[in-house]
C-alpha atoms as a PDB file:
ATOM      1  CA  MET A   1      -0.093  -0.139   0.104  1.00  0.00           C
ATOM      2  CA  GLU A   2       1.157   3.536  -1.143  1.00  0.00           C
ATOM      3  CA  LYS A   3       0.989   5.919   1.971  1.00  0.00           C
ATOM      4  CA  GLN A   4       1.761   9.530   1.785  1.00  0.00           C
ATOM      5  CA  ILE A   5       2.028  11.599   5.181  1.00  0.00           C
ATOM      6  CA  GLU A   6       2.822  15.309   6.230  1.00  0.00           C
ATOM      7  CA  TRP A   7       5.745  16.209   7.650  1.00  0.00           C
ATOM      8  CA  HIS A   8       7.194  19.681   8.245  1.00  0.00           C
ATOM      9  CA  GLY A   9       4.449  20.696   6.011  1.00  0.00           C
ATOM     10  CA  LYS A  10       4.928  18.904   3.309  1.00  0.00           C
ATOM     11  CA  SER A  11       3.960  15.453   1.685  1.00  0.00           C
ATOM     12  CA  LEU A  12       6.555  12.484   2.476  1.00  0.00           C
ATOM     13  CA  ASN A  13       5.871   9.248   0.059  1.00  0.00           C
ATOM     14  CA  TYR A  14       6.458   5.376   0.569  1.00  0.00           C
ATOM     15  CA  TYR A  15       5.104   1.890  -0.016  1.00  0.00           C
ATOM     16  CA  VAL A  16       4.384  -0.658   2.730  1.00  0.00           C
ATOM     17  CA  GLU A  17       3.821  -4.269   2.843  1.00  0.00           C
ATOM     18  CA  GLY A  18       4.106  -7.435   4.293  1.00  0.00           C
ATOM     19  CA  GLN A  19       4.120  -8.875   7.638  1.00  0.00           C
ATOM     20  CA  GLY A  20       7.320  -9.804  10.246  1.00  0.00           C
ATOM     21  CA  PRO A  21      10.565  -7.896  11.256  1.00  0.00           C
ATOM     22  CA  SER A  22      10.757  -4.334   9.334  1.00  0.00           C
ATOM     23  CA  VAL A  23      12.799  -3.641   6.508  1.00  0.00           C
ATOM     24  CA  VAL A  24      13.403  -0.514   5.107  1.00  0.00           C
ATOM     25  CA  LEU A  25      14.620   0.218   1.596  1.00  0.00           C
ATOM     26  CA  LEU A  26      16.055   3.492   1.222  1.00  0.00           C
ATOM     27  CA  HIS A  27      17.074   3.870  -2.491  1.00  0.00           C
ATOM     28  CA  GLY A  28      19.886   5.897  -4.161  1.00  0.00           C
ATOM     29  CA  PHE A  29      20.107   9.630  -6.407  1.00  0.00           C
ATOM     30  CA  LEU A  30      18.258  10.012  -9.075  1.00  0.00           C
ATOM     31  CA  GLU A  31      15.696   6.902  -7.887  1.00  0.00           C
ATOM     32  CA  ASN A  32      12.629   6.660  -6.297  1.00  0.00           C
ATOM     33  CA  TYR A  33      11.039   3.555  -4.007  1.00  0.00           C
ATOM     34  CA  HIS A  34      10.210   1.809  -7.441  1.00  0.00           C
ATOM     35  CA  VAL A  35      14.151   1.063  -8.274  1.00  0.00           C
ATOM     36  CA  TRP A  36      13.080  -1.973  -5.477  1.00  0.00           C
ATOM     37  CA  ASP A  37      10.119  -3.067  -7.587  1.00  0.00           C
ATOM     38  CA  ASP A  38      11.704  -6.739  -8.587  1.00  0.00           C
ATOM     39  CA  PHE A  39      13.457  -6.683  -4.653  1.00  0.00           C
ATOM     40  CA  MET A  40      10.795  -6.337  -3.042  1.00  0.00           C
ATOM     41  CA  PRO A  41       8.800  -9.568  -3.600  1.00  0.00           C
ATOM     42  CA  TYR A  42      11.905 -11.371  -2.020  1.00  0.00           C
ATOM     43  CA  LEU A  43      11.154 -10.270   1.296  1.00  0.00           C
ATOM     44  CA  ILE A  44       7.545  -9.418   2.015  1.00  0.00           C
ATOM     45  CA  SER A  45       6.888 -13.358   2.316  1.00  0.00           C
ATOM     46  CA  ARG A  46       9.294 -12.731   5.771  1.00  0.00           C
ATOM     47  CA  PHE A  47       9.635  -9.204   6.562  1.00  0.00           C
ATOM     48  CA  SER A  48       7.018  -6.309   6.699  1.00  0.00           C
ATOM     49  CA  VAL A  49       8.790  -3.885   4.037  1.00  0.00           C
ATOM     50  CA  ILE A  50       9.181  -0.021   3.887  1.00  0.00           C
ATOM     51  CA  ALA A  51      10.141   1.822   0.837  1.00  0.00           C
ATOM     52  CA  VAL A  52      10.671   4.922   1.034  1.00  0.00           C
ATOM     53  CA  ASP A  53      10.520   8.274  -1.260  1.00  0.00           C
ATOM     54  CA  LEU A  54      13.386  10.509   0.276  1.00  0.00           C
ATOM     55  CA  PRO A  55      12.383  14.092   0.192  1.00  0.00           C
ATOM     56  CA  GLY A  56      13.102  15.367  -3.292  1.00  0.00           C
ATOM     57  CA  PHE A  57      12.604  12.136  -5.333  1.00  0.00           C
ATOM     58  CA  GLY A  58       9.962  10.346  -6.183  1.00  0.00           C
ATOM     59  CA  LYS A  59       6.523  11.821  -4.676  1.00  0.00           C
ATOM     60  CA  SER A  60       8.168  12.949  -1.635  1.00  0.00           C
ATOM     61  CA  ALA A  61       8.262  16.538  -1.775  1.00  0.00           C
ATOM     62  CA  VAL A  62      11.522  19.039  -1.739  1.00  0.00           C
ATOM     63  CA  TYR A  63      11.898  20.636   1.206  1.00  0.00           C
ATOM     64  CA  GLY A  64      15.215  23.148   1.171  1.00  0.00           C
ATOM     65  CA  GLU A  65      18.154  24.140  -1.119  1.00  0.00           C
ATOM     66  CA  LYS A  66      20.181  21.152   0.665  1.00  0.00           C
ATOM     67  CA  HIS A  67      18.517  17.732   1.747  1.00  0.00           C
ATOM     68  CA  ASP A  68      21.670  16.821   4.588  1.00  0.00           C
ATOM     69  CA  MET A  69      22.027  13.116   5.110  1.00  0.00           C
ATOM     70  CA  SER A  70      20.326  13.665   8.819  1.00  0.00           C
ATOM     71  CA  PHE A  71      17.724  15.437   7.339  1.00  0.00           C
ATOM     72  CA  MET A  72      16.218  12.401   5.448  1.00  0.00           C
ATOM     73  CA  ALA A  73      17.119  10.307   7.769  1.00  0.00           C
ATOM     74  CA  GLU A  74      14.924  11.967  10.210  1.00  0.00           C
ATOM     75  CA  ALA A  75      12.448  11.779   7.490  1.00  0.00           C
ATOM     76  CA  VAL A  76      12.708   7.770   7.787  1.00  0.00           C
ATOM     77  CA  LYS A  77      12.396   7.979  11.747  1.00  0.00           C
ATOM     78  CA  PHE A  78       9.229   9.561  11.107  1.00  0.00           C
ATOM     79  CA  ILE A  79       7.578   7.053   8.771  1.00  0.00           C
ATOM     80  CA  LEU A  80       8.857   4.291  11.557  1.00  0.00           C
ATOM     81  CA  ASP A  81       7.178   6.187  14.337  1.00  0.00           C
ATOM     82  CA  GLN A  82       3.946   6.564  12.065  1.00  0.00           C
ATOM     83  CA  GLU A  83       4.166   2.799  11.378  1.00  0.00           C
ATOM     84  CA  LYS A  84       5.109   2.092  14.784  1.00  0.00           C
ATOM     85  CA  VAL A  85       8.135  -0.041  13.908  1.00  0.00           C
ATOM     86  CA  THR A  86      11.051   0.111  16.586  1.00  0.00           C
ATOM     87  CA  GLN A  87      13.377  -1.512  15.274  1.00  0.00           C
ATOM     88  CA  THR A  88      14.526  -2.058  11.637  1.00  0.00           C
ATOM     89  CA  PHE A  89      16.755  -2.967   9.345  1.00  0.00           C
ATOM     90  CA  LEU A  90      18.011  -0.587   6.892  1.00  0.00           C
ATOM     91  CA  ILE A  91      18.983  -1.193   3.191  1.00  0.00           C
ATOM     92  CA  GLY A  92      20.521   1.651   1.432  1.00  0.00           C
ATOM     93  CA  HIS A  93      21.511   2.127  -2.329  1.00  0.00           C
ATOM     94  CA  SER A  94      24.346   4.001  -2.613  1.00  0.00           C
ATOM     95  CA  MET A  95      22.776   7.858  -1.428  1.00  0.00           C
ATOM     96  CA  GLY A  96      20.387   5.678   0.613  1.00  0.00           C
ATOM     97  CA  GLY A  97      23.485   4.103   1.957  1.00  0.00           C
ATOM     98  CA  TYR A  98      24.536   7.668   3.570  1.00  0.00           C
ATOM     99  CA  VAL A  99      21.161   7.988   4.690  1.00  0.00           C
ATOM    100  CA  SER A 100      21.343   4.737   6.653  1.00  0.00           C
ATOM    101  CA  LEU A 101      24.675   5.950   7.935  1.00  0.00           C
ATOM    102  CA  ALA A 102      23.270   8.824   8.879  1.00  0.00           C
ATOM    103  CA  PHE A 103      20.166   6.990  10.786  1.00  0.00           C
ATOM    104  CA  ALA A 104      22.318   4.987  12.412  1.00  0.00           C
ATOM    105  CA  LYS A 105      24.134   7.824  14.191  1.00  0.00           C
ATOM    106  CA  LEU A 106      20.916   9.701  14.939  1.00  0.00           C
ATOM    107  CA  PHE A 107      18.873   6.439  16.340  1.00  0.00           C
ATOM    108  CA  PRO A 108      21.141   3.923  16.783  1.00  0.00           C
ATOM    109  CA  GLU A 109      18.420   2.134  19.445  1.00  0.00           C
ATOM    110  CA  SER A 110      16.708   1.644  16.501  1.00  0.00           C
ATOM    111  CA  LEU A 111      18.597  -0.216  14.143  1.00  0.00           C
ATOM    112  CA  LYS A 112      19.062  -4.023  14.022  1.00  0.00           C
ATOM    113  CA  GLY A 113      21.340  -4.467  10.948  1.00  0.00           C
ATOM    114  CA  LEU A 114      22.540  -2.155   7.985  1.00  0.00           C
ATOM    115  CA  VAL A 115      23.310  -3.241   4.126  1.00  0.00           C
ATOM    116  CA  LEU A 116      25.181  -1.050   2.503  1.00  0.00           C
ATOM    117  CA  PHE A 117      24.203  -1.375  -1.441  1.00  0.00           C
ATOM    118  CA  HIS A 118      27.127   0.073  -3.248  1.00  0.00           C
ATOM    119  CA  SER A 119      27.353   2.943  -0.676  1.00  0.00           C
ATOM    120  CA  GLN A 120      30.398   3.376   1.933  1.00  0.00           C
ATOM    121  CA  ALA A 121      31.317   5.557   5.098  1.00  0.00           C
ATOM    122  CA  ALA A 122      33.471   7.711   4.127  1.00  0.00           C
ATOM    123  CA  ALA A 123      32.865  11.474   3.524  1.00  0.00           C
ATOM    124  CA  ASP A 124      33.837  13.376  -0.110  1.00  0.00           C
ATOM    125  CA  ASP A 125      37.618  14.353  -0.183  1.00  0.00           C
ATOM    126  CA  GLU A 126      38.055  18.129  -1.181  1.00  0.00           C
ATOM    127  CA  GLN A 127      38.113  17.196  -4.845  1.00  0.00           C
ATOM    128  CA  GLY A 128      34.878  15.024  -4.538  1.00  0.00           C
ATOM    129  CA  LYS A 129      33.243  17.948  -2.473  1.00  0.00           C
ATOM    130  CA  LYS A 130      34.180  20.191  -6.022  1.00  0.00           C
ATOM    131  CA  ASN A 131      33.116  17.768  -8.335  1.00  0.00           C
ATOM    132  CA  ARG A 132      29.587  17.876  -6.641  1.00  0.00           C
ATOM    133  CA  SER A 133      29.466  21.378  -7.134  1.00  0.00           C
ATOM    134  CA  ARG A 134      30.210  21.417 -10.694  1.00  0.00           C
ATOM    135  CA  THR A 135      27.489  18.817 -11.001  1.00  0.00           C
ATOM    136  CA  ILE A 136      25.221  21.112  -9.557  1.00  0.00           C
ATOM    137  CA  GLU A 137      25.836  23.875 -11.725  1.00  0.00           C
ATOM    138  CA  VAL A 138      25.713  21.553 -14.721  1.00  0.00           C
ATOM    139  CA  VAL A 139      22.257  20.474 -13.487  1.00  0.00           C
ATOM    140  CA  LYS A 140      20.843  24.020 -13.142  1.00  0.00           C
ATOM    141  CA  LYS A 141      21.687  24.473 -16.729  1.00  0.00           C
ATOM    142  CA  ASP A 142      20.145  21.287 -17.967  1.00  0.00           C
ATOM    143  CA  HIS A 143      19.207  18.603 -15.694  1.00  0.00           C
ATOM    144  CA  LYS A 144      17.177  16.425 -18.015  1.00  0.00           C
ATOM    145  CA  ASN A 145      20.361  16.365 -19.975  1.00  0.00           C
ATOM    146  CA  PHE A 146      22.321  15.597 -16.966  1.00  0.00           C
ATOM    147  CA  ILE A 147      20.323  12.707 -15.959  1.00  0.00           C
ATOM    148  CA  SER A 148      19.988  11.317 -19.809  1.00  0.00           C
ATOM    149  CA  GLN A 149      24.022  10.822 -19.429  1.00  0.00           C
ATOM    150  CA  PHE A 150      24.371   9.933 -16.253  1.00  0.00           C
ATOM    151  CA  ILE A 151      22.215   6.825 -15.991  1.00  0.00           C
ATOM    152  CA  PRO A 152      24.576   4.612 -18.221  1.00  0.00           C
ATOM    153  CA  LEU A 153      27.253   5.252 -16.096  1.00  0.00           C
ATOM    154  CA  LEU A 154      25.900   3.407 -13.167  1.00  0.00           C
ATOM    155  CA  PHE A 155      26.223   0.171 -15.129  1.00  0.00           C
ATOM    156  CA  ALA A 156      29.129  -2.125 -15.845  1.00  0.00           C
ATOM    157  CA  GLU A 157      30.249  -1.039 -19.548  1.00  0.00           C
ATOM    158  CA  SER A 158      29.866  -4.370 -20.336  1.00  0.00           C
ATOM    159  CA  ASN A 159      26.692  -4.219 -19.057  1.00  0.00           C
ATOM    160  CA  VAL A 160      25.219  -1.056 -20.871  1.00  0.00           C
ATOM    161  CA  ALA A 161      23.830  -2.899 -23.993  1.00  0.00           C
ATOM    162  CA  VAL A 162      22.905  -5.996 -22.148  1.00  0.00           C
ATOM    163  CA  PHE A 163      20.538  -3.695 -19.715  1.00  0.00           C
ATOM    164  CA  GLU A 164      19.660  -1.628 -22.541  1.00  0.00           C
ATOM    165  CA  ASN A 165      15.628  -1.649 -21.395  1.00  0.00           C
ATOM    166  CA  GLU A 166      16.668  -1.604 -17.738  1.00  0.00           C
ATOM    167  CA  ILE A 167      18.532   1.637 -18.337  1.00  0.00           C
ATOM    168  CA  ALA A 168      15.616   3.253 -20.390  1.00  0.00           C
ATOM    169  CA  HIS A 169      13.188   2.740 -17.793  1.00  0.00           C
ATOM    170  CA  LEU A 170      15.462   3.866 -15.259  1.00  0.00           C
ATOM    171  CA  ARG A 171      16.512   7.084 -16.792  1.00  0.00           C
ATOM    172  CA  GLU A 172      12.503   7.371 -17.718  1.00  0.00           C
ATOM    173  CA  GLU A 173      11.915   7.240 -13.827  1.00  0.00           C
ATOM    174  CA  SER A 174      14.883   9.332 -12.888  1.00  0.00           C
ATOM    175  CA  LEU A 175      13.596  12.035 -15.251  1.00  0.00           C
ATOM    176  CA  LYS A 176      10.621  12.852 -13.105  1.00  0.00           C
ATOM    177  CA  THR A 177      12.822  14.153 -10.594  1.00  0.00           C
ATOM    178  CA  SER A 178      13.069  17.906 -10.394  1.00  0.00           C
ATOM    179  CA  THR A 179      15.841  20.328 -10.664  1.00  0.00           C
ATOM    180  CA  GLU A 180      15.328  21.158  -7.335  1.00  0.00           C
ATOM    181  CA  GLY A 181      15.346  17.791  -6.015  1.00  0.00           C
ATOM    182  CA  VAL A 182      18.804  17.206  -7.325  1.00  0.00           C
ATOM    183  CA  ILE A 183      20.456  19.780  -6.595  1.00  0.00           C
ATOM    184  CA  ALA A 184      19.278  19.356  -2.918  1.00  0.00           C
ATOM    185  CA  SER A 185      20.498  15.726  -2.629  1.00  0.00           C
ATOM    186  CA  LEU A 186      23.983  16.545  -4.431  1.00  0.00           C
ATOM    187  CA  ALA A 187      24.722  19.436  -1.791  1.00  0.00           C
ATOM    188  CA  GLY A 188      23.616  16.878   0.912  1.00  0.00           C
ATOM    189  CA  MET A 189      26.039  14.434  -0.290  1.00  0.00           C
ATOM    190  CA  ARG A 190      28.965  16.990  -0.836  1.00  0.00           C
ATOM    191  CA  ASP A 191      28.575  18.198   3.045  1.00  0.00           C
ATOM    192  CA  ARG A 192      28.007  15.014   4.414  1.00  0.00           C
ATOM    193  CA  ASP A 193      29.489  13.666   7.706  1.00  0.00           C
ATOM    194  CA  ASP A 194      32.426  11.043   7.540  1.00  0.00           C
ATOM    195  CA  ASN A 195      30.841   8.409   9.234  1.00  0.00           C
ATOM    196  CA  LEU A 196      34.314   5.730   9.435  1.00  0.00           C
ATOM    197  CA  GLN A 197      34.433   5.840  13.171  1.00  0.00           C
ATOM    198  CA  LEU A 198      30.422   5.374  13.319  1.00  0.00           C
ATOM    199  CA  LEU A 199      31.097   2.088  11.164  1.00  0.00           C
ATOM    200  CA  GLU A 200      34.202   1.092  13.211  1.00  0.00           C
ATOM    201  CA  ASN A 201      31.991   1.486  16.647  1.00  0.00           C
ATOM    202  CA  ILE A 202      28.379   0.042  15.134  1.00  0.00           C
ATOM    203  CA  ASN A 203      27.006  -2.375  17.364  1.00  0.00           C
ATOM    204  CA  VAL A 204      24.562  -4.174  14.643  1.00  0.00           C
ATOM    205  CA  PRO A 205      25.534  -6.193  12.085  1.00  0.00           C
ATOM    206  CA  VAL A 206      26.833  -4.849   8.388  1.00  0.00           C
ATOM    207  CA  PHE A 207      26.341  -6.274   4.945  1.00  0.00           C
ATOM    208  CA  PHE A 208      28.217  -4.537   2.099  1.00  0.00           C
ATOM    209  CA  VAL A 209      27.405  -5.722  -1.523  1.00  0.00           C
ATOM    210  CA  ILE A 210      30.078  -4.467  -3.705  1.00  0.00           C
ATOM    211  CA  GLY A 211      30.401  -4.310  -7.677  1.00  0.00           C
ATOM    212  CA  LYS A 212      34.225  -5.212  -9.094  1.00  0.00           C
ATOM    213  CA  GLN A 213      33.341  -2.974 -11.947  1.00  0.00           C
ATOM    214  CA  ASP A 214      31.331   0.040 -10.443  1.00  0.00           C
ATOM    215  CA  SER A 215      32.768   3.754 -11.522  1.00  0.00           C
ATOM    216  CA  ARG A 216      30.983   5.569  -8.368  1.00  0.00           C
ATOM    217  CA  ILE A 217      32.194   3.376  -5.513  1.00  0.00           C
ATOM    218  CA  PRO A 218      35.482   1.978  -6.752  1.00  0.00           C
ATOM    219  CA  LEU A 219      36.632  -1.761  -5.135  1.00  0.00           C
ATOM    220  CA  PRO A 220      39.821  -0.559  -3.764  1.00  0.00           C
ATOM    221  CA  LYS A 221      38.171   2.350  -1.943  1.00  0.00           C
ATOM    222  CA  ILE A 222      35.377  -0.540  -0.149  1.00  0.00           C
ATOM    223  CA  LEU A 223      37.465  -2.973   1.096  1.00  0.00           C
ATOM    224  CA  SER A 224      39.417  -1.176   3.428  1.00  0.00           C
ATOM    225  CA  GLN A 225      35.845  -0.261   4.939  1.00  0.00           C
ATOM    226  CA  ILE A 226      34.912  -3.918   5.440  1.00  0.00           C
ATOM    227  CA  SER A 227      36.684  -4.944   8.737  1.00  0.00           C
ATOM    228  CA  LEU A 228      35.576  -1.819  10.333  1.00  0.00           C
ATOM    229  CA  PRO A 229      32.306  -3.190  11.946  1.00  0.00           C
ATOM    230  CA  LYS A 230      32.740  -5.870  14.476  1.00  0.00           C
ATOM    231  CA  LEU A 231      30.302  -8.087  12.712  1.00  0.00           C
ATOM    232  CA  SER A 232      30.724  -7.357   8.674  1.00  0.00           C
ATOM    233  CA  GLU A 233      30.187  -9.776   5.468  1.00  0.00           C
ATOM    234  CA  ALA A 234      30.268  -8.789   2.101  1.00  0.00           C
ATOM    235  CA  ILE A 235      29.460 -10.151  -1.375  1.00  0.00           C
ATOM    236  CA  ILE A 236      31.654  -8.712  -4.216  1.00  0.00           C
ATOM    237  CA  LEU A 237      30.071  -9.464  -7.616  1.00  0.00           C
ATOM    238  CA  ASP A 238      32.430  -9.476 -10.689  1.00  0.00           C
ATOM    239  CA  GLU A 239      31.132  -8.020 -14.038  1.00  0.00           C
ATOM    240  CA  VAL A 240      28.540  -5.532 -11.961  1.00  0.00           C
ATOM    241  CA  GLY A 241      29.132  -1.573 -11.492  1.00  0.00           C
ATOM    242  CA  HIS A 242      27.090   0.527  -9.393  1.00  0.00           C
ATOM    243  CA  MET A 243      24.024  -1.253 -10.116  1.00  0.00           C
ATOM    244  CA  GLY A 244      24.042  -4.985  -8.342  1.00  0.00           C
ATOM    245  CA  PHE A 245      19.693  -5.382  -7.962  1.00  0.00           C
ATOM    246  CA  VAL A 246      19.459  -5.035 -11.470  1.00  0.00           C
ATOM    247  CA  GLU A 247      22.863  -6.581 -13.279  1.00  0.00           C
ATOM    248  CA  ALA A 248      22.742  -9.691 -10.457  1.00  0.00           C
ATOM    249  CA  PRO A 249      19.680  -9.850  -9.114  1.00  0.00           C
ATOM    250  CA  GLU A 250      20.090 -13.768  -9.051  1.00  0.00           C
ATOM    251  CA  LYS A 251      23.032 -13.387  -6.525  1.00  0.00           C
ATOM    252  CA  THR A 252      22.100 -10.165  -4.349  1.00  0.00           C
ATOM    253  CA  PHE A 253      18.233 -10.644  -3.677  1.00  0.00           C
ATOM    254  CA  PRO A 254      19.082 -13.956  -2.022  1.00  0.00           C
ATOM    255  CA  ALA A 255      22.144 -12.693   0.009  1.00  0.00           C
ATOM    256  CA  VAL A 256      20.305  -9.956   1.438  1.00  0.00           C
ATOM    257  CA  GLN A 257      17.201 -11.744   2.221  1.00  0.00           C
ATOM    258  CA  SER A 258      19.842 -14.410   3.941  1.00  0.00           C
ATOM    259  CA  PHE A 259      21.770 -11.628   5.827  1.00  0.00           C
ATOM    260  CA  CYS A 260      18.366 -10.319   7.270  1.00  0.00           C
ATOM    261  CA  GLU A 261      16.839 -13.547   8.086  1.00  0.00           C
ATOM    262  CA  ARG A 262      20.000 -14.486  10.213  1.00  0.00           C
ATOM    263  CA  TYR A 263      20.247 -11.313  12.092  1.00  0.00           C
ATOM    264  CA  SER A 264      16.356 -11.084  12.653  1.00  0.00           C
END
């Protein structure tokens, strides 16, 4: 069931289905909760699944010029409170992983486990911050052209032709995002906290989904983070870029489902 609730005078949109322990799905940059449509059936038979449109994406409103990761985490907590969920697994893709880490910092008692789906805990370095700021200027000039060119870069080069239809669908969904929503999230990601120490001290299990051909989060960068949590697991996927739930669903779906089942 899709639901819309009011938060700070504007609309938050999310989808909820299933019964059992709670699992929250947080999409990445330029996505909305529908990116999880093929993933949710693997979970709803055993879990109560909440898939969120983060502020500025899907049917959720834009709240300002910058959506800090902590601000988005507070939106997720508000939805959980509305659904009377006290503890949950968070599954965050890319930017959704940044939001999940912000949630872990703000609401550690509400977290049962964390899945970083092509995501990581370090803040942007200075060059990364400059790149985000330059991207904001590009988006201001022509956000639709930016989106059209950006989506194929999320896939391993060898998969772009293979997943032509899926890329076209993702592009179509992403083009629904407003210029303001794109810019607010870029600014929030640029200025996000470094959460490496949080990852080191976190008291819940963490599962990393990693693509060997991920151009957004290179393999060497993420490998050093796998050993930080007290309880850490990972799946490293060959011929996969930044979109493992599209590029390798037969591997990622069962792996994440098993992780949530074992630690629920």
